[in-house]
Protein backbone atom coordinates (compact mmCIF):
# COMPACT_ATOMS: atom_id res chain seq x y z
CA MET A 1 0.31 19.12 12.66
CA PHE A 2 0.29 15.62 14.13
CA LEU A 3 1.42 14.14 17.44
CA ILE A 4 3.44 10.99 18.15
CA ILE A 5 2.94 9.40 21.58
CA GLY A 6 5.13 6.60 22.90
CA TYR A 7 8.36 5.62 24.60
CA HIS A 8 11.50 6.76 22.81
CA ASN A 9 13.05 3.28 23.20
CA GLU A 10 10.02 1.25 22.04
CA LYS A 11 11.21 -0.21 18.75
CA ALA A 12 8.47 1.01 16.37
CA ILE A 13 8.38 4.53 17.88
CA GLU A 14 12.18 4.71 18.02
CA HIS A 15 12.34 3.66 14.38
CA PHE A 16 9.66 6.11 13.19
CA VAL A 17 11.15 9.09 15.03
CA LYS A 18 14.66 8.24 13.77
CA VAL A 19 13.50 7.88 10.16
CA LEU A 20 11.67 11.20 10.32
CA ALA A 21 14.72 12.90 11.79
CA GLU A 22 16.90 11.57 8.98
CA GLN A 23 14.49 11.70 6.03
CA LYS A 24 12.11 14.57 6.89
CA GLN A 25 14.32 17.23 8.44
CA ALA A 26 12.62 19.96 6.40
CA ASP A 27 9.22 18.87 7.73
CA ALA A 28 10.12 18.74 11.43
CA ASP A 29 7.54 21.45 12.14
CA LYS A 30 4.74 19.09 11.08
CA TYR A 31 4.88 16.90 14.18
CA HIS A 32 5.60 16.82 17.91
CA PHE A 33 6.75 13.83 19.96
CA LEU A 34 5.32 13.23 23.42
CA ASN A 35 7.93 10.90 24.90
CA LEU A 36 6.39 8.82 27.69
CA SER A 37 9.87 8.41 29.19
CA ASP A 38 9.83 12.16 29.86
CA VAL A 39 6.59 11.76 31.83
CA GLU A 40 8.37 9.28 34.08
CA THR A 41 11.44 11.44 34.74
CA ALA A 42 9.85 14.90 34.79
CA THR A 43 9.83 17.04 37.90
CA ASP A 44 6.42 18.47 37.06
CA VAL A 45 3.61 16.88 35.03
CA GLN A 46 0.29 18.70 34.65
CA VAL A 47 -2.79 17.54 32.77
CA SER A 48 -5.86 19.68 32.28
CA TYR A 49 -8.93 19.69 30.07
CA ASP A 50 -10.81 22.82 29.15
CA ALA A 51 -13.42 23.73 26.58
CA ASP A 52 -10.87 23.47 23.77
CA ASP A 53 -8.99 20.23 24.36
CA LEU A 54 -6.48 18.33 26.45
CA LEU A 55 -3.41 20.22 27.66
CA VAL A 56 -0.33 18.36 28.89
CA LYS A 57 2.66 20.09 30.47
CA ILE A 58 5.87 18.13 31.08
CA ASP A 59 8.33 20.44 32.84
CA ASP A 60 8.96 23.23 30.32
CA ARG A 61 7.27 21.47 27.36
CA GLN A 62 3.61 21.94 26.54
CA PHE A 63 1.37 19.80 24.33
CA ASP A 64 -1.89 21.51 23.42
CA PHE A 65 -3.95 18.77 21.79
CA ALA A 66 -6.14 21.39 20.10
CA ASN A 67 -3.21 21.93 17.71
CA TYR A 68 -3.13 18.33 16.47
CA HIS A 69 -5.49 16.91 13.87
CA ALA A 70 -3.96 13.42 13.87
CA ILE A 71 -2.19 11.23 16.45
CA TYR A 72 0.05 8.18 16.09
CA ALA A 73 0.07 6.45 19.48
CA ARG A 74 1.79 3.42 20.93
CA CYS A 75 0.99 3.82 24.63
CA LEU A 76 2.46 0.46 25.60
CA TYR A 77 3.22 0.51 29.31
CA GLN A 78 6.82 0.06 30.44
CA THR A 79 7.66 -0.49 34.10
CA PRO A 80 9.47 2.64 35.36
CA ALA A 81 13.06 2.32 36.47
CA ASP A 82 12.04 4.18 39.63
CA LYS A 83 9.19 2.19 41.19
CA ALA A 84 7.98 5.36 42.89
CA HIS A 85 6.71 6.49 39.48
CA VAL A 86 4.56 3.42 38.75
CA LEU A 87 1.30 5.10 39.79
CA ARG A 88 2.12 8.24 37.81
CA MET A 89 2.76 6.24 34.63
CA VAL A 90 -0.27 3.98 35.05
CA ASN A 91 -2.53 6.98 35.57
CA PHE A 92 -1.04 8.94 32.67
CA ILE A 93 -1.29 6.06 30.19
CA PHE A 94 -4.81 5.28 31.40
CA LEU A 95 -5.74 8.91 30.75
CA MET A 96 -4.16 8.77 27.28
CA HIS A 97 -6.05 5.58 26.45
CA ASN A 98 -9.36 7.15 27.44
CA TYR A 99 -8.67 10.31 25.48
CA LEU A 100 -7.53 8.44 22.36
CA GLU A 101 -10.50 6.11 22.47
CA PHE A 102 -13.15 8.83 22.57
CA CYS A 103 -11.68 11.96 20.98
CA ASP A 104 -12.84 13.08 17.52
CA LYS A 105 -9.34 13.29 16.03
CA VAL A 106 -7.82 10.83 13.59
CA VAL A 107 -6.06 8.28 15.81
CA VAL A 108 -3.67 5.62 14.57
CA ASN A 109 -4.86 3.37 16.22
CA ARG A 110 -7.52 3.77 18.90
CA PRO A 111 -6.85 1.53 21.93
CA CYS A 112 -9.87 -0.71 21.28
CA ALA A 113 -9.52 -0.86 17.49
CA GLY A 114 -9.17 -4.44 16.29
CA ASN A 115 -9.01 -5.73 19.85
CA SER A 116 -10.17 -9.25 18.95
CA ASN A 117 -6.48 -9.91 18.25
CA TYR A 118 -5.84 -9.95 22.01
CA THR A 119 -7.44 -13.42 22.06
CA LYS A 120 -6.15 -15.41 19.11
CA LEU A 121 -8.87 -18.06 18.86
CA HIS A 122 -11.63 -15.43 18.96
CA HIS A 123 -9.67 -13.41 16.39
CA VAL A 124 -9.35 -16.32 13.95
CA THR A 125 -13.05 -17.16 14.37
CA LYS A 126 -13.98 -13.54 13.64
CA LEU A 127 -11.79 -13.43 10.52
CA GLN A 128 -13.33 -16.65 9.27
CA ALA A 129 -16.85 -15.31 9.82
CA TYR A 130 -15.90 -12.25 7.75
CA GLY A 131 -15.00 -14.51 4.84
CA PHE A 132 -11.23 -14.86 5.06
CA SER A 133 -9.57 -18.25 4.63
CA VAL A 134 -7.91 -19.12 7.97
CA PRO A 135 -6.02 -22.15 9.35
CA GLU A 136 -7.77 -24.82 11.38
CA THR A 137 -7.21 -23.61 14.96
CA TYR A 138 -7.67 -25.05 18.46
CA ILE A 139 -6.94 -24.18 22.05
CA PHE A 140 -6.29 -27.36 24.01
CA GLY A 141 -6.37 -27.60 27.79
CA SER A 142 -5.95 -31.37 27.84
CA GLY A 143 -2.99 -33.35 26.54
CA THR A 144 -5.21 -36.37 25.95
CA ARG A 145 -7.67 -34.42 23.80
CA ALA A 146 -4.81 -32.77 21.92
CA LYS A 147 -3.41 -36.19 20.99
CA HIS A 148 -6.79 -37.23 19.61
CA VAL A 149 -6.47 -34.44 17.00
CA MET A 150 -2.73 -33.93 16.39
CA GLN A 151 0.30 -36.03 15.62
CA PRO A 152 3.97 -34.91 15.56
CA ASN A 153 4.18 -35.17 11.79
CA GLY A 154 4.80 -31.53 10.84
CA ASP A 155 1.13 -30.74 10.26
CA TRP A 156 0.70 -28.49 13.33
CA ILE A 157 2.16 -25.28 14.71
CA SER A 158 2.18 -24.22 18.38
CA LYS A 159 1.55 -20.56 19.23
CA GLY A 160 0.61 -18.37 22.18
CA THR A 161 -3.08 -17.74 22.83
CA SER A 162 -2.85 -13.96 23.32
CA SER A 163 -1.39 -10.92 21.56
CA ILE A 164 1.90 -11.30 23.43
CA ARG A 165 4.57 -12.13 20.87
CA THR A 166 5.67 -15.76 20.92
CA ARG A 167 7.81 -17.88 18.61
CA ALA A 168 5.74 -20.20 16.42
CA VAL A 169 7.21 -23.72 16.41
CA GLU A 170 6.37 -26.99 14.74
CA LEU A 171 4.79 -29.72 16.85
CA ASP A 172 7.65 -32.26 16.77
CA GLU A 173 8.27 -35.39 18.84
CA LYS A 174 9.90 -33.44 21.66
CA LEU A 175 7.04 -30.96 22.00
CA TYR A 176 4.49 -33.74 21.57
CA ALA A 177 5.91 -35.44 24.65
CA GLU A 178 5.21 -32.25 26.62
CA LEU A 179 1.50 -32.08 25.75
CA TYR A 180 0.58 -33.29 29.25
CA GLN A 181 1.45 -29.77 30.45
CA LEU A 182 -1.64 -28.47 28.65
CA ASN A 183 -3.61 -29.77 31.66
CA HIS A 184 -2.10 -26.84 33.59
CA VAL A 185 -1.70 -24.14 30.91
CA PRO A 186 -3.78 -24.29 27.70
CA SER A 187 -2.11 -23.38 24.42
CA LEU A 188 -3.06 -22.64 20.83
CA PHE A 189 -2.35 -24.87 17.85
CA GLN A 190 -2.87 -24.20 14.15
CA ARG A 191 -2.71 -26.32 11.05
CA HIS A 192 0.72 -25.81 9.43
CA ILE A 193 0.10 -23.93 6.17
CA ARG A 194 2.88 -24.58 3.66
CA GLY A 195 4.03 -21.78 1.39
CA TYR A 196 5.59 -18.34 1.57
CA ASP A 197 4.64 -15.53 3.93
CA VAL A 198 3.25 -12.10 3.06
CA ARG A 199 3.13 -9.19 5.48
CA LEU A 200 0.71 -6.50 4.32
CA HIS A 201 0.81 -3.13 6.02
CA LEU A 202 -2.45 -1.39 5.27
CA LEU A 203 -2.54 2.33 5.89
CA GLY A 204 -6.04 3.61 5.26
CA SER A 205 -6.55 2.05 1.85
CA GLN A 206 -2.87 2.09 0.84
CA PRO A 207 -1.26 -1.37 0.71
CA LEU A 208 2.45 -1.96 1.29
CA ALA A 209 3.11 -5.69 1.05
CA LEU A 210 6.26 -7.75 1.42
CA LYS A 211 6.76 -11.37 0.34
CA ILE A 212 9.00 -13.41 2.63
CA GLU A 213 10.46 -16.75 1.63
CA SER A 214 12.14 -18.50 4.54
CA PRO A 215 13.48 -21.96 5.41
CA ASN A 216 12.19 -21.46 8.96
CA VAL A 217 8.73 -22.09 10.41
CA ASP A 218 8.79 -18.58 11.92
CA TYR A 219 10.62 -16.25 9.52
CA ARG A 220 11.11 -13.61 12.23
CA TYR A 221 13.91 -15.65 13.77
CA ASN A 222 17.13 -16.91 12.17
CA THR A 223 16.56 -14.48 9.32
CA SER A 224 19.87 -15.07 7.47
CA GLY A 225 18.21 -17.41 4.94
CA ASN A 226 15.19 -15.21 4.22
CA GLN A 227 14.42 -13.57 0.88
CA TYR A 228 12.24 -10.45 0.57
CA GLN A 229 10.47 -8.69 -2.29
CA ARG A 230 7.53 -6.37 -2.82
CA VAL A 231 4.32 -8.09 -3.86
CA ASP A 232 0.79 -7.14 -4.94
CA ILE A 233 -2.32 -8.30 -3.11
CA PRO A 234 -5.17 -9.82 -5.16
CA PRO A 235 -7.72 -6.99 -5.66
CA ASP A 236 -10.71 -8.81 -4.15
CA LEU A 237 -8.69 -9.82 -1.09
CA LEU A 238 -7.34 -6.30 -0.68
CA LYS A 239 -10.85 -4.85 -0.76
CA LYS A 240 -11.98 -7.30 1.90
CA CYS A 241 -9.00 -6.30 4.09
CA ILE A 242 -9.81 -2.59 3.63
CA ASP A 243 -13.46 -3.14 4.48
CA TYR A 244 -12.63 -5.18 7.58
CA CYS A 245 -10.11 -2.64 8.87
CA ARG A 246 -12.55 0.20 8.25
CA GLU A 247 -15.18 -1.57 10.37
CA GLU A 248 -12.59 -2.17 13.11
CA GLU A 249 -11.31 1.46 12.94
CA LEU A 250 -7.86 0.16 12.12
CA LEU A 251 -6.18 2.94 10.18
CA PHE A 252 -2.81 1.13 10.31
CA ALA A 253 -2.77 -2.67 10.35
CA GLY A 254 -0.17 -5.39 9.92
CA ILE A 255 -1.79 -8.34 8.15
CA ASP A 256 -0.10 -11.74 7.93
CA PHE A 257 -0.79 -14.28 5.19
CA LYS A 258 0.52 -17.63 4.06
CA VAL A 259 0.28 -18.27 0.32
CA THR A 260 0.08 -21.96 -0.52
CA PRO A 261 1.73 -23.64 -3.55
CA THR A 262 -1.74 -23.68 -5.19
CA GLY A 263 -2.07 -19.89 -4.77
CA GLU A 264 -4.54 -19.80 -1.86
CA TRP A 265 -4.10 -16.78 0.45
CA VAL A 266 -4.62 -17.92 4.05
CA MET A 267 -4.87 -15.19 6.67
CA LEU A 268 -3.08 -15.75 9.97
CA GLU A 269 -3.96 -12.53 11.79
CA ILE A 270 -4.49 -8.78 11.62
CA ASN A 271 -2.20 -6.95 14.03
CA ASN A 272 -3.80 -3.85 15.52
CA THR A 273 -0.56 -2.31 16.83
CA PRO A 274 1.88 -3.37 14.13
CA GLY A 275 5.55 -3.33 15.04
CA TYR A 276 6.50 -2.50 11.48
CA ASN A 277 10.15 -1.45 11.81
CA PHE A 278 11.66 -4.77 10.67
CA PHE A 279 9.61 -4.76 7.46
CA ASP A 280 10.24 -1.07 6.86
CA THR A 281 14.00 -1.63 6.61
CA LYS A 282 13.35 -4.24 3.92
CA MET A 283 11.17 -1.78 1.97
CA ASN A 284 13.52 1.21 1.98
CA TYR A 285 11.41 2.98 4.65
CA ALA A 286 8.32 3.07 2.45
CA ILE A 287 6.03 2.32 5.42
CA SER A 288 7.40 5.17 7.54
CA MET A 289 7.13 7.58 4.61
CA ALA A 290 3.54 6.50 3.96
CA LEU A 291 2.68 6.87 7.66
CA PHE A 292 4.19 10.36 7.72
CA ASP A 293 2.31 11.37 4.56
CA PHE A 294 -0.95 10.01 5.97
CA LEU A 295 -0.61 11.84 9.28
CA SER A 296 0.52 15.05 7.54
CA GLN A 297 -2.65 15.41 5.51
CA THR A 298 -4.89 18.41 6.07
CA PRO A 299 -7.96 18.08 8.29
CA ASP A 300 -10.13 18.13 5.16
CA GLN A 301 -8.14 15.30 3.59
CA LEU A 302 -8.39 13.27 6.79
CA ALA A 303 -12.11 13.95 7.20
CA PRO A 304 -13.15 10.47 5.94
CA PHE A 305 -11.15 8.91 8.79
CA ARG A 306 -12.60 11.06 11.58
CA ARG A 307 -15.50 10.04 13.74
CA GLU A 308 -18.00 11.90 15.85
CA PRO A 309 -16.97 12.21 19.52
CA ALA A 310 -18.66 9.65 21.77
CA ALA A 311 -20.50 12.38 23.69
CA THR A 312 -22.67 13.12 20.66
CA LYS A 313 -23.73 9.48 20.31
CA THR A 314 -24.39 8.54 23.92
CA PHE A 315 -27.46 6.38 24.60
CA ILE A 316 -28.49 8.57 27.57
CA PRO A 317 -28.67 12.13 26.18
CA PRO A 318 -28.09 15.19 28.40
CA GLU A 319 -31.81 15.87 28.89
CA ARG A 320 -32.20 12.47 30.56
CA ARG A 321 -29.42 13.09 33.06
CA THR A 322 -30.88 14.22 36.36
CA MET A 323 -27.64 14.68 38.30
CA SER A 324 -25.09 17.40 37.68
């Protein structure tokens, strides 16, 4: 049995739970859903940890983590409607993050897995060092310095510097005139890679890739002119993606490419908490079905994806600890 953790109204969780309810009714006994919204509104929330595992009670519902061999978690904090519950939610999500980071279960994905993506420039540098082709990338904190490198000729894209979702836009004359504001708030710029987009969802070693042709700089917006079709990833590139994600403990990743007219695959980023629902609808729910199948595997089948609990690998072993 596996456990889903997240808010019922967070788009990826909402999508996954809905698809399972509609497509996997006969397999409803294979998973439980710990709805973080219930933690906020519950009259009684109890958390305990004994020799077996974590035990969470939310009013009359009980989640014994000893029963779960795999967990799909999106513990993305939402501000409670009742501000009196802020501390409860912060503490509960903090506890979940700690548990998910260090437990020996199969976790999709651990909170720190692939966390270089939280700082885009560091992330791109890390991908390049691993051997991926990436766009020329800068963070500018000076309008004058930015103008020494870039011109408003369609060769540059403006993005946010962090993992917070932002719309990617072309550096045109209007935006170029605003570069003086970089003196107050730095921003990230990338070389504009021409070609079509590919979003690869990698689940373990299973690839599910979608080609997107769009008239827009950022295909996620104004989607009426987009065209979608399944696509294969070049074998050598796929192996490199699998190896990278294995090192980062990313069991489920959303990987973005641009493919140039000459056939070069340029990596934009590897998302460590992929909001996959949009792509899933274009792929007849293949991603949700693959995620369900992955999480539903037996403990023996999932053994290659497990890791030893942190307590067995600590630098200071128990015999060196002089305080109880």
